[in-house]
Amino acid sequence: MVSPLHPGIRVALVLALAWACTPDSHGVTFPEDWPYAADESPVIGQNGMVVSTDDYASTAGIEILEAGGNAVDAAIATSFALAVVNPEAGNIGGGGFMVVRLSDGTTAALDYRERAPMAASRDMYLDEAGELTDASVVGHLAVGVPGAVAGLWEAHRRFGSMEWSALVEPAMHLAEGFALRERQVRQLRMAGESLRIFPATEAAFLPGGDAPAVGEVFEQPDLASTLGRIASEGRDGFYMGLTADLVVAEMERGGGILTHDDLARMEAVWRDPVEVTYRGYRLISMPPTSSGGATLAAMTKILEGFELGSMEYHSPEHVHLLAEAWKRAYADRNTYLADPDFVEIPLGRMISDEYGAERRASIDRGRATPSLEIGPGLGPADDGETTHLSVVDAQGNAVSITTTINSFFGSKVTVAGAGFILNNEMDDFSGRPGFPNQYGLVQGEANAIAPGKRMLSAMTPTIVADPSGELFMVLGSPGGATIITNVFQQVSNVIDFGMGIRQGLNAPRIHHQHLPDMIQIEPGSLAPDVVSGLEAMGHTLEERIRAEDVYSYIGDVQAIMRLPDGSLAGASDHRRGGAAVGY
């Protein structure tokens, strides 16, 4: 139940009866020992819905809707709140992407991805032997110029309806103190010794030297002051003045290269969304510098030629076709996609029906194509610390935001005196083209480091319209290299297999990203006969590690579906434990 978690909030939620309103699931069943139910109901809201990875943040957003704000206003408030209550991923020290669809059908995509500092250079992370170091992952040199505040400021300038300060204030009050819940304590404990690398980080997140306990009031006075400056001064409250001085002082203290000039130059960029149809539904997603929308579109164009819904869900045939399509889409992603302000991208061809048919024709339905026959590379894949939020307001305006600081607690560097973690997004460049980054993504020369360039991302904030042109679904996910396949699986679960929004999120997930040449599976997600059938086709499968201190599941989807009666069904992924809040 949701409402007991929201003291004082005026919510009118109907939690039952939702399953009867969602599409028939075509008899899809999950493995016997799978921890998430196939018949769980979503949260229903009549006037608006906010779904994010944290209950506090979703509440902040829904209160803005109730106060008369629109979907963009609520998304801004939720984003700032996540910077407080979800510090491992929610941020003002990183960046992100926003996809907007207004009730009149107008669409827009906002790129507020981080940029390389102007002092960055192509080989800055190579040692004397030409090998990659860990300087792109941990520490001050790993930091890209944060874009989050610039992006939220620009979104408000174009679409906001409420006063800016009113959207930042909920986060400021949370930073003054909030009662820790199990999710926050678990994340702090999982971070372990990494939070002790830098004194300011240890002081901010391990007060007294240890992770706080559940129920303890967690105060972040430096962050509250930073948010106060943003509330009163807007964009300049972050990129100029005291906050900028503190960021640059932190860089100088730790050997970083980010300067006042880098901060002053930071701007968000409006881009044309990637828009394609899949079985009559229109997918609206993020263009480069995100690879998400283009790669998602490429997957749909390959798989649209197969009748997935006529297959047994997660049968060897079904999983085989997903893996074969995904490895081809990721091979193109890693070769061609990068910052469009620096590299010419063959986007139109990559997402075309014709190219999808060409890629589909190379799939053998009875045999796995070795990835080395599609493209070279190696390396393991892993999740990153990214987070997603979805919002729909009473007028039908929709916002999908994915935002990140890259790794778990980013660079591990907290800005002393400002109270926020800085990203390690420089690792998303090809620090050594042709070799894997921390997510196992083997990327090419197009994504090499250059001053002022935005690094490629897998984030895939997406909005779906139904065949009649009405809003149908809003979704996205964290998960590093797995983000794109997470989003595709939710889209396919609903459109191909008729699942409701909650069942689609609860379904087991798999992943293939071209290299390494393996299908990753969640623990217990595939039956033994399915695994053996896939192995007989030539696939290698790897089950994620199941352990208390290891995140073994794939993704953290936050989704909203518009039901036939106009109400909204919201669902937050149980894998990490967020909240859908409606009214």
Protein backbone atom coordinates (compact mmCIF):
# COMPACT_ATOMS: atom_id res chain seq x y z
CA MET A 1 0.00 0.00 0.00
CA VAL A 2 1.23 3.50 -0.76
CA SER A 3 -0.72 6.05 1.24
CA PRO A 4 0.68 5.19 4.74
CA LEU A 5 4.10 6.23 3.40
CA HIS A 6 2.89 9.76 2.67
CA PRO A 7 1.89 11.54 5.89
CA GLY A 8 0.10 14.80 5.14
CA ILE A 9 -0.13 14.30 1.40
CA ARG A 10 -3.60 14.58 -0.08
CA VAL A 11 -3.78 11.53 -2.27
CA ALA A 12 -6.76 9.65 -3.65
CA LEU A 13 -5.40 6.32 -4.80
CA VAL A 14 -7.33 3.31 -5.97
CA LEU A 15 -4.95 0.37 -5.64
CA ALA A 16 -7.35 -2.46 -6.40
CA LEU A 17 -9.26 -3.27 -9.59
CA ALA A 18 -6.36 -2.08 -11.74
CA TRP A 19 -5.56 -5.49 -13.14
CA ALA A 20 -9.01 -5.76 -14.67
CA CYS A 21 -8.38 -2.49 -16.51
CA THR A 22 -5.06 -3.53 -18.04
CA PRO A 23 -4.64 -5.68 -21.16
CA ASP A 24 -4.97 -9.46 -20.98
CA SER A 25 -1.56 -11.00 -20.34
CA HIS A 26 -2.07 -13.82 -22.87
CA GLY A 27 -1.46 -16.41 -20.16
CA VAL A 28 2.16 -15.39 -19.52
CA THR A 29 3.55 -17.08 -16.42
CA PHE A 30 6.80 -16.53 -14.54
CA PRO A 31 9.21 -19.20 -13.19
CA GLU A 32 8.00 -20.86 -9.98
CA ASP A 33 10.69 -19.36 -7.74
CA TRP A 34 10.58 -15.89 -9.34
CA PRO A 35 10.21 -13.31 -6.53
CA TYR A 36 7.77 -10.95 -8.27
CA ALA A 37 4.11 -11.80 -8.85
CA ALA A 38 2.48 -11.96 -12.25
CA ASP A 39 -0.91 -10.77 -10.93
CA GLU A 40 0.05 -7.71 -8.87
CA SER A 41 -1.94 -4.50 -9.36
CA PRO A 42 -0.41 -1.13 -10.23
CA VAL A 43 -1.17 2.18 -8.54
CA ILE A 44 -4.07 4.08 -10.16
CA GLY A 45 -4.39 7.86 -10.35
CA GLN A 46 -7.20 9.82 -11.96
CA ASN A 47 -5.46 13.18 -12.32
CA GLY A 48 -1.73 12.63 -12.34
CA MET A 49 1.07 10.20 -11.63
CA VAL A 50 4.74 10.40 -10.62
CA VAL A 51 6.92 7.31 -10.55
CA SER A 52 10.53 7.31 -9.40
CA THR A 53 12.99 5.13 -7.56
CA ASP A 54 12.24 6.82 -4.23
CA ASP A 55 9.05 7.48 -2.32
CA TYR A 56 10.16 10.89 -1.01
CA ALA A 57 10.94 12.09 -4.52
CA SER A 58 7.69 10.81 -6.03
CA THR A 59 5.80 12.55 -3.23
CA ALA A 60 7.58 15.84 -3.95
CA GLY A 61 6.49 15.59 -7.58
CA ILE A 62 2.86 14.71 -6.87
CA GLU A 63 2.56 17.63 -4.45
CA ILE A 64 3.61 19.96 -7.27
CA LEU A 65 0.89 18.48 -9.50
CA GLU A 66 -1.67 18.91 -6.75
CA ALA A 67 -0.59 22.53 -6.33
CA GLY A 68 -1.40 23.19 -9.99
CA GLY A 69 1.97 22.55 -11.59
CA ASN A 70 2.33 20.73 -14.87
CA ALA A 71 4.28 17.57 -15.68
CA VAL A 72 7.53 19.45 -16.32
CA ASP A 73 7.22 21.29 -13.00
CA ALA A 74 6.69 17.99 -11.20
CA ALA A 75 9.61 16.36 -13.02
CA ILE A 76 11.92 19.19 -11.96
CA ALA A 77 10.86 18.92 -8.32
CA THR A 78 11.26 15.13 -8.40
CA SER A 79 14.71 15.43 -9.96
CA PHE A 80 15.97 17.81 -7.29
CA ALA A 81 14.49 15.62 -4.54
CA LEU A 82 16.33 12.59 -5.95
CA ALA A 83 19.59 14.53 -5.59
CA VAL A 84 18.95 14.44 -1.84
CA VAL A 85 17.36 11.06 -1.13
CA ASN A 86 19.06 9.03 -3.87
CA PRO A 87 22.64 10.38 -3.77
CA GLU A 88 24.16 7.32 -5.41
CA ALA A 89 22.42 8.25 -8.67
CA GLY A 90 20.04 11.21 -8.33
CA ASN A 91 22.12 14.27 -8.77
CA ILE A 92 23.05 17.86 -9.32
CA GLY A 93 26.63 16.75 -9.95
CA GLY A 94 25.85 14.82 -13.13
CA GLY A 95 23.54 15.15 -16.11
CA GLY A 96 20.70 13.54 -17.99
CA PHE A 97 18.11 13.54 -20.73
CA MET A 98 14.47 14.61 -20.85
CA VAL A 99 11.78 13.61 -23.35
CA VAL A 100 8.55 15.63 -23.32
CA ARG A 101 5.23 14.98 -25.05
CA LEU A 102 2.54 17.59 -24.58
CA SER A 103 -1.16 16.82 -24.67
CA ASP A 104 -1.40 18.34 -28.16
CA GLY A 105 1.18 15.88 -29.49
CA THR A 106 4.15 18.29 -29.47
CA THR A 107 7.39 16.46 -28.64
CA ALA A 108 10.82 17.66 -27.51
CA ALA A 109 14.08 16.18 -26.27
CA LEU A 110 16.49 18.00 -23.95
CA ASP A 111 20.14 16.95 -23.78
CA TYR A 112 21.81 18.01 -20.55
CA ARG A 113 24.50 15.38 -20.68
CA GLU A 114 27.84 16.30 -19.13
CA ARG A 115 30.67 17.61 -21.30
CA ALA A 116 34.41 17.05 -21.22
CA PRO A 117 36.32 19.94 -19.64
CA MET A 118 38.16 22.10 -22.16
CA ALA A 119 41.49 20.82 -20.82
CA ALA A 120 40.54 17.20 -21.62
CA SER A 121 42.57 15.29 -24.21
CA ARG A 122 42.13 12.12 -26.25
CA ASP A 123 44.67 9.97 -24.38
CA MET A 124 44.35 11.46 -20.89
CA TYR A 125 43.59 8.12 -19.24
CA LEU A 126 46.39 6.06 -20.80
CA ASP A 127 49.59 5.21 -18.95
CA GLU A 128 53.08 5.19 -20.45
CA ALA A 129 52.44 1.73 -21.89
CA GLY A 130 49.23 2.89 -23.57
CA GLU A 131 47.00 1.00 -21.13
CA LEU A 132 43.85 2.44 -19.55
CA THR A 133 44.14 3.53 -15.92
CA ASP A 134 41.31 3.88 -13.40
CA ALA A 135 41.54 7.68 -13.43
CA SER A 136 38.37 7.82 -15.58
CA VAL A 137 36.43 5.97 -12.89
CA VAL A 138 37.56 7.21 -9.44
CA GLY A 139 38.67 10.66 -8.44
CA HIS A 140 38.70 14.23 -9.63
CA LEU A 141 40.04 13.61 -13.13
CA ALA A 142 36.97 11.46 -13.93
CA VAL A 143 34.55 14.37 -13.64
CA GLY A 144 32.67 15.80 -16.60
CA VAL A 145 31.08 19.25 -16.42
CA PRO A 146 27.73 18.73 -14.61
CA GLY A 147 24.66 19.46 -16.72
CA ALA A 148 21.74 18.64 -14.43
CA VAL A 149 20.98 22.12 -13.11
CA ALA A 150 21.40 23.68 -16.58
CA GLY A 151 18.97 21.12 -18.01
CA LEU A 152 16.29 21.55 -15.38
CA TRP A 153 16.61 25.34 -15.63
CA GLU A 154 16.18 25.20 -19.42
CA ALA A 155 13.19 22.84 -19.16
CA HIS A 156 11.56 25.27 -16.75
CA ARG A 157 12.31 28.23 -19.02
CA ARG A 158 10.49 26.58 -21.93
CA PHE A 159 7.71 24.58 -20.29
CA GLY A 160 7.49 25.44 -16.58
CA SER A 161 4.39 27.07 -15.08
CA MET A 162 5.23 27.48 -11.39
CA GLU A 163 7.88 29.64 -9.76
CA TRP A 164 11.33 28.05 -9.99
CA SER A 165 12.02 28.38 -6.28
CA ALA A 166 8.86 26.42 -5.44
CA LEU A 167 10.22 23.46 -7.43
CA VAL A 168 13.58 23.40 -5.62
CA GLU A 169 12.26 24.00 -2.11
CA PRO A 170 11.00 20.43 -1.46
CA ALA A 171 14.53 19.12 -2.07
CA MET A 172 16.01 21.85 0.12
CA HIS A 173 13.72 20.86 2.99
CA LEU A 174 14.61 17.17 2.55
CA ALA A 175 18.29 18.06 2.73
CA GLU A 176 17.65 19.76 6.05
CA GLY A 177 16.69 16.32 7.35
CA PHE A 178 14.64 13.25 6.43
CA ALA A 179 14.10 9.89 8.10
CA LEU A 180 16.17 7.22 6.37
CA ARG A 181 14.33 4.25 4.98
CA GLU A 182 15.63 0.77 4.27
CA ARG A 183 16.48 1.54 0.65
CA GLN A 184 18.77 4.45 1.51
CA VAL A 185 20.52 2.57 4.30
CA ARG A 186 21.04 -0.46 2.05
CA GLN A 187 22.66 1.69 -0.64
CA LEU A 188 24.99 3.40 1.83
CA ARG A 189 26.04 0.04 3.24
CA MET A 190 26.58 -1.41 -0.23
CA ALA A 191 28.87 1.50 -1.08
CA GLY A 192 31.14 0.27 1.70
CA GLU A 193 34.70 1.48 1.76
CA SER A 194 34.33 3.48 -1.46
CA LEU A 195 32.69 6.27 0.53
CA ARG A 196 35.83 6.50 2.68
CA ILE A 197 38.20 7.25 -0.19
CA PHE A 198 37.68 11.02 0.11
CA PRO A 199 37.21 12.76 3.48
CA ALA A 200 34.38 15.04 2.33
CA THR A 201 32.41 12.04 1.05
CA GLU A 202 32.88 10.10 4.27
CA ALA A 203 31.83 13.13 6.32
CA ALA A 204 28.70 13.69 4.22
CA PHE A 205 27.42 10.13 3.95
CA LEU A 206 28.92 8.23 6.90
CA PRO A 207 28.37 10.61 9.82
CA GLY A 208 30.10 9.21 12.85
CA GLY A 209 32.08 6.86 10.64
CA ASP A 210 29.33 4.35 9.80
CA ALA A 211 26.20 4.13 7.68
CA PRO A 212 23.20 5.57 9.57
CA ALA A 213 20.39 3.31 10.75
CA VAL A 214 16.85 3.02 9.40
CA GLY A 215 14.68 5.76 10.91
CA GLU A 216 17.60 8.02 11.73
CA VAL A 217 17.21 11.61 10.55
CA PHE A 218 19.80 12.24 7.87
CA GLU A 219 20.88 15.87 7.61
CA GLN A 220 22.87 17.36 4.72
CA PRO A 221 23.34 21.03 5.65
CA ASP A 222 25.90 21.81 2.93
CA LEU A 223 23.60 20.38 0.26
CA ALA A 224 20.66 22.32 1.71
CA SER A 225 22.66 25.53 1.34
CA THR A 226 23.62 24.65 -2.24
CA LEU A 227 20.00 23.97 -3.11
CA GLY A 228 19.03 27.25 -1.44
CA ARG A 229 21.37 29.13 -3.78
CA ILE A 230 19.90 27.30 -6.78
CA ALA A 231 16.37 28.11 -5.58
CA SER A 232 17.07 31.82 -5.20
CA GLU A 233 19.55 32.40 -8.05
CA GLY A 234 18.51 29.78 -10.61
CA ARG A 235 21.17 28.47 -12.97
CA ASP A 236 23.70 31.04 -11.73
CA GLY A 237 23.33 29.65 -8.22
CA PHE A 238 25.21 26.57 -9.41
CA TYR A 239 27.47 27.60 -12.29
CA MET A 240 28.62 30.91 -10.78
CA GLY A 241 29.22 32.35 -7.35
CA LEU A 242 29.93 30.33 -4.23
CA THR A 243 28.91 26.89 -5.54
CA ALA A 244 31.13 27.26 -8.61
CA ASP A 245 33.99 28.42 -6.37
CA LEU A 246 33.57 25.33 -4.20
CA VAL A 247 33.54 23.00 -7.22
CA VAL A 248 36.72 24.55 -8.66
CA ALA A 249 38.43 24.47 -5.26
CA GLU A 250 37.59 20.76 -5.02
CA MET A 251 39.07 20.19 -8.48
CA GLU A 252 42.28 22.00 -7.56
CA ARG A 253 42.54 20.07 -4.31
CA GLY A 254 42.27 16.70 -6.06
CA GLY A 255 44.08 17.29 -9.34
CA GLY A 256 40.99 17.72 -11.51
CA ILE A 257 40.82 19.87 -14.64
CA LEU A 258 37.31 21.36 -14.48
CA THR A 259 37.40 25.18 -14.33
CA HIS A 260 35.16 28.19 -13.80
CA ASP A 261 35.11 28.64 -17.58
CA ASP A 262 33.87 25.06 -18.06
CA LEU A 263 31.02 25.68 -15.65
CA ALA A 264 30.08 29.00 -17.26
CA ARG A 265 30.01 27.38 -20.72
CA MET A 266 27.63 24.58 -19.75
CA GLU A 267 24.34 24.69 -21.66
CA ALA A 268 21.52 22.22 -22.26
CA VAL A 269 20.60 21.54 -25.90
CA TRP A 270 17.17 20.90 -27.42
CA ARG A 271 17.28 18.13 -30.03
CA ASP A 272 14.74 16.40 -32.26
CA PRO A 273 13.53 13.17 -30.61
CA VAL A 274 14.01 9.81 -32.27
CA GLU A 275 10.52 8.73 -33.37
CA VAL A 276 9.65 5.35 -34.91
CA THR A 277 6.61 3.08 -35.06
CA TYR A 278 6.52 -0.43 -33.62
CA ARG A 279 3.42 -2.47 -34.52
CA GLY A 280 1.45 0.76 -34.94
CA TYR A 281 2.61 2.35 -31.65
CA ARG A 282 4.81 5.44 -31.86
CA LEU A 283 7.98 5.41 -29.76
CA ILE A 284 9.42 8.82 -28.89
CA SER A 285 12.88 8.58 -27.40
CA MET A 286 16.19 10.35 -26.87
CA PRO A 287 18.55 11.05 -29.78
CA PRO A 288 22.36 11.25 -29.58
CA THR A 289 24.29 12.08 -27.45
CA SER A 290 22.18 9.35 -25.99
CA SER A 291 22.48 6.11 -27.89
CA GLY A 292 19.26 4.93 -26.27
CA GLY A 293 16.60 6.08 -28.70
CA ALA A 294 18.52 5.13 -31.84
CA THR A 295 19.48 1.69 -30.54
CA LEU A 296 15.96 1.04 -29.22
CA ALA A 297 14.58 2.03 -32.63
CA ALA A 298 17.06 -0.25 -34.40
CA MET A 299 15.95 -3.16 -32.21
CA THR A 300 12.29 -2.56 -33.03
CA LYS A 301 12.97 -2.41 -36.77
CA ILE A 302 14.75 -5.78 -36.64
CA LEU A 303 12.24 -7.50 -34.37
CA GLU A 304 9.09 -6.11 -35.97
CA GLY A 305 9.51 -8.75 -38.69
CA PHE A 306 9.01 -11.56 -36.15
CA GLU A 307 5.65 -12.36 -34.51
CA LEU A 308 6.99 -12.32 -30.97
CA GLY A 309 3.52 -12.38 -29.40
CA SER A 310 2.76 -15.75 -30.99
CA MET A 311 5.74 -17.34 -29.22
CA GLU A 312 5.90 -18.75 -25.72
CA TYR A 313 7.27 -16.01 -23.48
CA HIS A 314 10.97 -16.57 -22.76
CA SER A 315 11.06 -19.74 -24.78
CA PRO A 316 14.39 -20.55 -26.47
CA GLU A 317 13.01 -19.16 -29.74
CA HIS A 318 11.90 -15.90 -28.12
CA VAL A 319 15.13 -15.29 -26.17
CA HIS A 320 17.25 -16.26 -29.19
CA LEU A 321 15.62 -13.66 -31.43
CA LEU A 322 15.94 -10.95 -28.79
CA ALA A 323 19.63 -11.68 -28.30
CA GLU A 324 20.36 -11.79 -32.03
CA ALA A 325 18.60 -8.46 -32.67
CA TRP A 326 20.20 -6.80 -29.68
CA LYS A 327 23.76 -7.77 -30.57
CA ARG A 328 23.31 -6.31 -34.06
CA ALA A 329 21.82 -3.07 -32.72
CA TYR A 330 24.60 -2.69 -30.14
CA ALA A 331 27.28 -3.37 -32.77
CA ASP A 332 25.99 -0.39 -34.76
CA ARG A 333 25.59 1.70 -31.61
CA ASN A 334 29.19 1.20 -30.59
CA THR A 335 30.51 1.99 -34.05
CA TYR A 336 28.48 4.99 -35.19
CA LEU A 337 26.93 6.89 -32.28
CA ALA A 338 28.54 9.81 -30.47
CA ASP A 339 28.04 13.54 -29.85
CA PRO A 340 26.28 14.81 -33.02
CA ASP A 341 27.97 18.19 -32.58
CA PHE A 342 31.32 16.48 -33.24
CA VAL A 343 30.54 13.47 -35.46
CA GLU A 344 28.28 12.86 -38.44
CA ILE A 345 25.87 10.04 -37.58
CA PRO A 346 23.96 7.83 -40.07
CA LEU A 347 20.90 7.98 -37.82
CA GLY A 348 18.25 7.87 -40.53
CA ARG A 349 19.58 4.68 -42.03
CA MET A 350 20.22 3.03 -38.66
CA ILE A 351 16.56 3.31 -37.62
CA SER A 352 14.97 2.71 -41.03
CA ASP A 353 12.67 -0.16 -41.97
CA GLU A 354 15.02 -1.07 -44.81
CA TYR A 355 18.10 -1.38 -42.65
CA GLY A 356 16.14 -3.30 -40.02
CA ALA A 357 15.14 -5.78 -42.72
CA GLU A 358 18.78 -6.15 -43.79
CA ARG A 359 19.89 -6.87 -40.24
CA ARG A 360 16.96 -9.24 -39.70
CA ALA A 361 17.85 -11.24 -42.82
CA SER A 362 21.24 -12.12 -41.29
CA ILE A 363 19.64 -13.85 -38.29
CA ASP A 364 19.64 -17.65 -38.33
CA ARG A 365 16.56 -18.71 -36.33
CA GLY A 366 18.25 -21.92 -35.22
CA ARG A 367 21.81 -20.77 -34.50
CA ALA A 368 23.50 -17.97 -32.58
CA THR A 369 25.67 -15.71 -34.70
CA PRO A 370 29.03 -15.27 -32.94
CA SER A 371 29.49 -11.62 -32.05
CA LEU A 372 32.95 -11.61 -33.60
CA GLU A 373 31.21 -12.15 -36.94
CA ILE A 374 29.34 -8.91 -36.29
CA GLY A 375 32.10 -6.83 -34.70
CA PRO A 376 35.24 -7.05 -32.53
CA GLY A 377 35.67 -6.49 -28.79
CA LEU A 378 35.49 -7.96 -25.29
CA GLY A 379 34.73 -7.09 -21.67
CA PRO A 380 32.17 -7.57 -18.88
CA ALA A 381 28.95 -5.61 -18.46
CA ASP A 382 27.62 -4.07 -15.25
CA ASP A 383 24.94 -1.71 -13.94
CA GLY A 384 25.62 1.97 -13.40
CA GLU A 385 24.16 4.43 -10.96
CA THR A 386 21.51 6.08 -12.99
CA THR A 387 17.90 6.77 -12.10
CA HIS A 388 14.66 7.37 -13.97
CA LEU A 389 11.40 9.18 -13.34
CA SER A 390 8.13 9.32 -15.29
CA VAL A 391 5.39 11.95 -14.90
CA VAL A 392 1.94 12.50 -16.42
CA ASP A 393 -0.32 15.38 -15.42
CA ALA A 394 -4.10 15.86 -15.58
CA GLN A 395 -3.90 17.46 -19.04
CA GLY A 396 -2.04 14.48 -20.49
CA ASN A 397 1.39 16.15 -20.68
CA ALA A 398 4.12 13.56 -20.17
CA VAL A 399 7.78 13.74 -19.15
CA SER A 400 10.38 10.98 -19.15
CA ILE A 401 13.76 11.73 -17.52
CA THR A 402 16.81 9.55 -17.07
CA THR A 403 19.66 11.10 -15.13
CA THR A 404 23.01 9.81 -13.90
CA ILE A 405 26.38 10.28 -12.25
CA ASN A 406 27.52 7.04 -13.95
CA SER A 407 29.00 4.65 -11.35
CA PHE A 408 27.62 3.93 -7.88
CA PHE A 409 28.20 7.30 -6.13
CA GLY A 410 29.93 8.54 -9.28
CA SER A 411 33.57 9.56 -8.91
CA LYS A 412 33.21 9.15 -5.12
CA VAL A 413 34.21 12.82 -4.85
CA THR A 414 31.97 15.09 -2.79
CA VAL A 415 32.40 18.84 -3.23
CA ALA A 416 33.56 19.99 0.20
CA GLY A 417 31.24 22.67 1.52
CA ALA A 418 28.61 22.01 -1.18
CA GLY A 419 27.52 18.51 -0.16
CA PHE A 420 26.98 16.77 -3.50
CA ILE A 421 28.71 13.92 -5.32
CA LEU A 422 30.38 14.57 -8.67
CA ASN A 423 29.99 12.27 -11.67
CA ASN A 424 32.60 10.03 -13.32
CA GLU A 425 31.09 10.37 -16.79
CA MET A 426 34.45 10.73 -18.51
CA ASP A 427 34.57 6.92 -18.47
CA ASP A 428 31.67 6.90 -20.95
CA PHE A 429 34.05 8.15 -23.62
CA SER A 430 36.23 5.73 -25.55
CA GLY A 431 39.29 6.32 -23.40
CA ARG A 432 41.01 3.78 -25.63
CA PRO A 433 38.90 3.20 -28.76
CA GLY A 434 38.28 -0.49 -29.39
CA PHE A 435 38.63 -1.43 -25.73
CA PRO A 436 35.85 -1.81 -23.14
CA ASN A 437 34.82 0.78 -20.56
CA GLN A 438 33.55 -0.21 -17.10
CA TYR A 439 30.28 -1.46 -18.64
CA GLY A 440 32.01 -3.68 -21.17
CA LEU A 441 30.92 -1.42 -24.01
CA VAL A 442 33.52 -1.50 -26.75
CA GLN A 443 33.19 1.83 -28.52
CA GLY A 444 34.96 3.32 -31.50
CA GLU A 445 36.79 6.44 -32.54
CA ALA A 446 33.57 8.43 -32.90
CA ASN A 447 33.26 8.55 -29.10
CA ALA A 448 36.90 9.45 -28.39
CA ILE A 449 37.58 12.22 -25.85
CA ALA A 450 37.67 15.81 -27.09
CA PRO A 451 37.41 19.16 -25.25
CA GLY A 452 33.79 20.25 -24.81
CA LYS A 453 32.41 17.02 -26.26
CA ARG A 454 29.51 15.13 -24.66
CA MET A 455 30.17 11.47 -23.94
CA LEU A 456 27.86 8.80 -25.37
CA SER A 457 25.18 7.39 -23.09
CA ALA A 458 22.79 4.42 -23.06
CA MET A 459 20.00 6.32 -21.27
CA THR A 460 16.65 5.78 -22.97
CA PRO A 461 13.83 7.98 -21.60
CA THR A 462 10.86 7.03 -23.76
CA ILE A 463 7.22 7.98 -24.33
CA VAL A 464 4.84 5.77 -26.34
CA ALA A 465 1.69 6.88 -28.18
CA ASP A 466 -0.95 4.35 -29.19
CA PRO A 467 -2.05 3.80 -32.83
CA SER A 468 -4.74 6.47 -32.45
CA GLY A 469 -2.15 9.04 -31.35
CA GLU A 470 -3.14 9.10 -27.66
CA LEU A 471 -0.57 8.90 -24.86
CA PHE A 472 -0.02 5.24 -23.98
CA MET A 473 3.08 4.75 -21.85
CA VAL A 474 5.97 6.67 -20.23
CA LEU A 475 9.03 4.74 -19.12
CA GLY A 476 12.77 4.46 -18.67
CA SER A 477 15.38 2.74 -16.52
CA PRO A 478 18.88 2.90 -15.11
CA GLY A 479 21.27 0.02 -15.68
CA GLY A 480 24.32 1.16 -17.63
CA ALA A 481 24.62 -0.87 -20.81
CA THR A 482 21.40 -2.75 -19.99
CA ILE A 483 19.15 0.34 -20.11
CA ILE A 484 18.16 -0.03 -23.75
CA THR A 485 17.21 -3.69 -23.48
CA ASN A 486 15.31 -2.95 -20.24
CA VAL A 487 13.17 -0.40 -22.04
CA PHE A 488 12.63 -2.63 -25.08
CA GLN A 489 11.52 -5.53 -22.88
CA GLN A 490 8.90 -3.40 -21.13
CA VAL A 491 7.61 -2.08 -24.46
CA SER A 492 7.49 -5.59 -25.91
CA ASN A 493 5.95 -7.10 -22.77
CA VAL A 494 3.02 -4.72 -23.08
CA ILE A 495 2.62 -4.48 -26.88
CA ASP A 496 3.62 -8.00 -27.96
CA PHE A 497 2.47 -10.03 -24.97
CA GLY A 498 -0.42 -7.95 -23.66
CA MET A 499 0.96 -7.56 -20.16
CA GLY A 500 -0.26 -4.82 -17.85
CA ILE A 501 2.21 -2.20 -16.66
CA ARG A 502 2.85 -3.94 -13.34
CA GLN A 503 3.25 -7.43 -14.78
CA GLY A 504 5.60 -6.10 -17.43
CA LEU A 505 7.91 -4.65 -14.78
CA ASN A 506 7.74 -7.79 -12.66
CA ALA A 507 8.71 -10.07 -15.54
CA PRO A 508 12.23 -11.56 -15.57
CA ARG A 509 14.82 -9.71 -17.64
CA ILE A 510 17.70 -10.74 -19.86
CA HIS A 511 20.40 -8.77 -21.68
CA HIS A 512 22.83 -8.99 -24.58
CA GLN A 513 24.98 -6.05 -25.71
CA HIS A 514 26.99 -7.60 -28.56
CA LEU A 515 30.22 -7.86 -26.57
CA PRO A 516 30.93 -9.80 -24.48
CA ASP A 517 29.12 -12.50 -26.47
CA MET A 518 26.79 -13.74 -23.74
CA ILE A 519 23.20 -13.50 -22.60
CA GLN A 520 23.05 -12.14 -19.08
CA ILE A 521 20.10 -13.41 -17.04
CA GLU A 522 18.70 -12.51 -13.66
CA PRO A 523 18.94 -15.24 -10.99
CA GLY A 524 16.16 -17.77 -11.56
CA SER A 525 14.77 -15.94 -14.58
CA LEU A 526 14.95 -18.76 -17.16
CA ALA A 527 13.87 -22.39 -16.73
CA PRO A 528 16.65 -25.01 -17.04
CA ASP A 529 15.22 -26.39 -20.29
CA VAL A 530 15.26 -22.90 -21.81
CA VAL A 531 18.91 -22.45 -20.80
CA SER A 532 19.88 -25.81 -22.31
CA GLY A 533 17.90 -25.01 -25.48
CA LEU A 534 19.74 -21.71 -25.90
CA GLU A 535 23.11 -23.36 -25.26
CA ALA A 536 22.30 -25.90 -27.95
CA MET A 537 21.84 -22.98 -30.36
CA GLY A 538 25.35 -21.76 -29.52
CA HIS A 539 24.56 -19.11 -26.92
CA THR A 540 26.61 -18.57 -23.76
CA LEU A 541 24.55 -17.58 -20.72
CA GLU A 542 25.70 -15.98 -17.50
CA GLU A 543 23.47 -15.72 -14.44
CA ARG A 544 24.14 -12.62 -12.39
CA ILE A 545 25.64 -13.18 -8.95
CA ARG A 546 23.08 -13.56 -6.18
CA ALA A 547 24.47 -12.01 -2.99
CA GLU A 548 23.30 -9.56 -0.33
CA ASP A 549 25.91 -6.92 -1.21
CA VAL A 550 25.65 -7.33 -5.00
CA TYR A 551 22.84 -5.96 -7.16
CA SER A 552 21.98 -9.09 -9.14
CA TYR A 553 18.90 -7.86 -10.99
CA ILE A 554 18.74 -5.93 -14.27
CA GLY A 555 17.39 -2.39 -14.31
CA ASP A 556 14.92 -0.35 -12.29
CA VAL A 557 12.09 0.61 -14.65
CA GLN A 558 9.71 3.42 -13.65
CA ALA A 559 6.60 3.39 -15.85
CA ILE A 560 3.14 4.88 -16.35
CA MET A 561 0.40 3.58 -18.64
CA ARG A 562 -2.71 5.46 -19.71
CA LEU A 563 -5.71 3.14 -19.42
CA PRO A 564 -8.72 3.11 -21.80
CA ASP A 565 -10.86 5.08 -19.33
CA GLY A 566 -8.24 7.86 -19.18
CA SER A 567 -6.92 6.97 -15.73
CA LEU A 568 -3.23 6.35 -15.14
CA ALA A 569 -1.59 3.11 -13.97
CA GLY A 570 1.82 3.61 -12.38
CA ALA A 571 4.42 1.04 -11.36
CA SER A 572 7.85 1.35 -9.79
CA ASP A 573 10.26 -1.54 -10.17
CA HIS A 574 10.54 -3.72 -7.05
CA ARG A 575 14.16 -4.51 -7.93
CA ARG A 576 15.34 -1.42 -6.05
CA GLY A 577 12.19 -0.28 -4.33
CA GLY A 578 10.74 3.02 -5.54
CA ALA A 579 7.21 4.39 -5.49
CA ALA A 580 4.40 5.25 -7.86
CA VAL A 581 2.21 8.02 -6.44
CA GLY A 582 -1.01 9.21 -8.04
CA TYR A 583 -3.98 11.37 -7.17
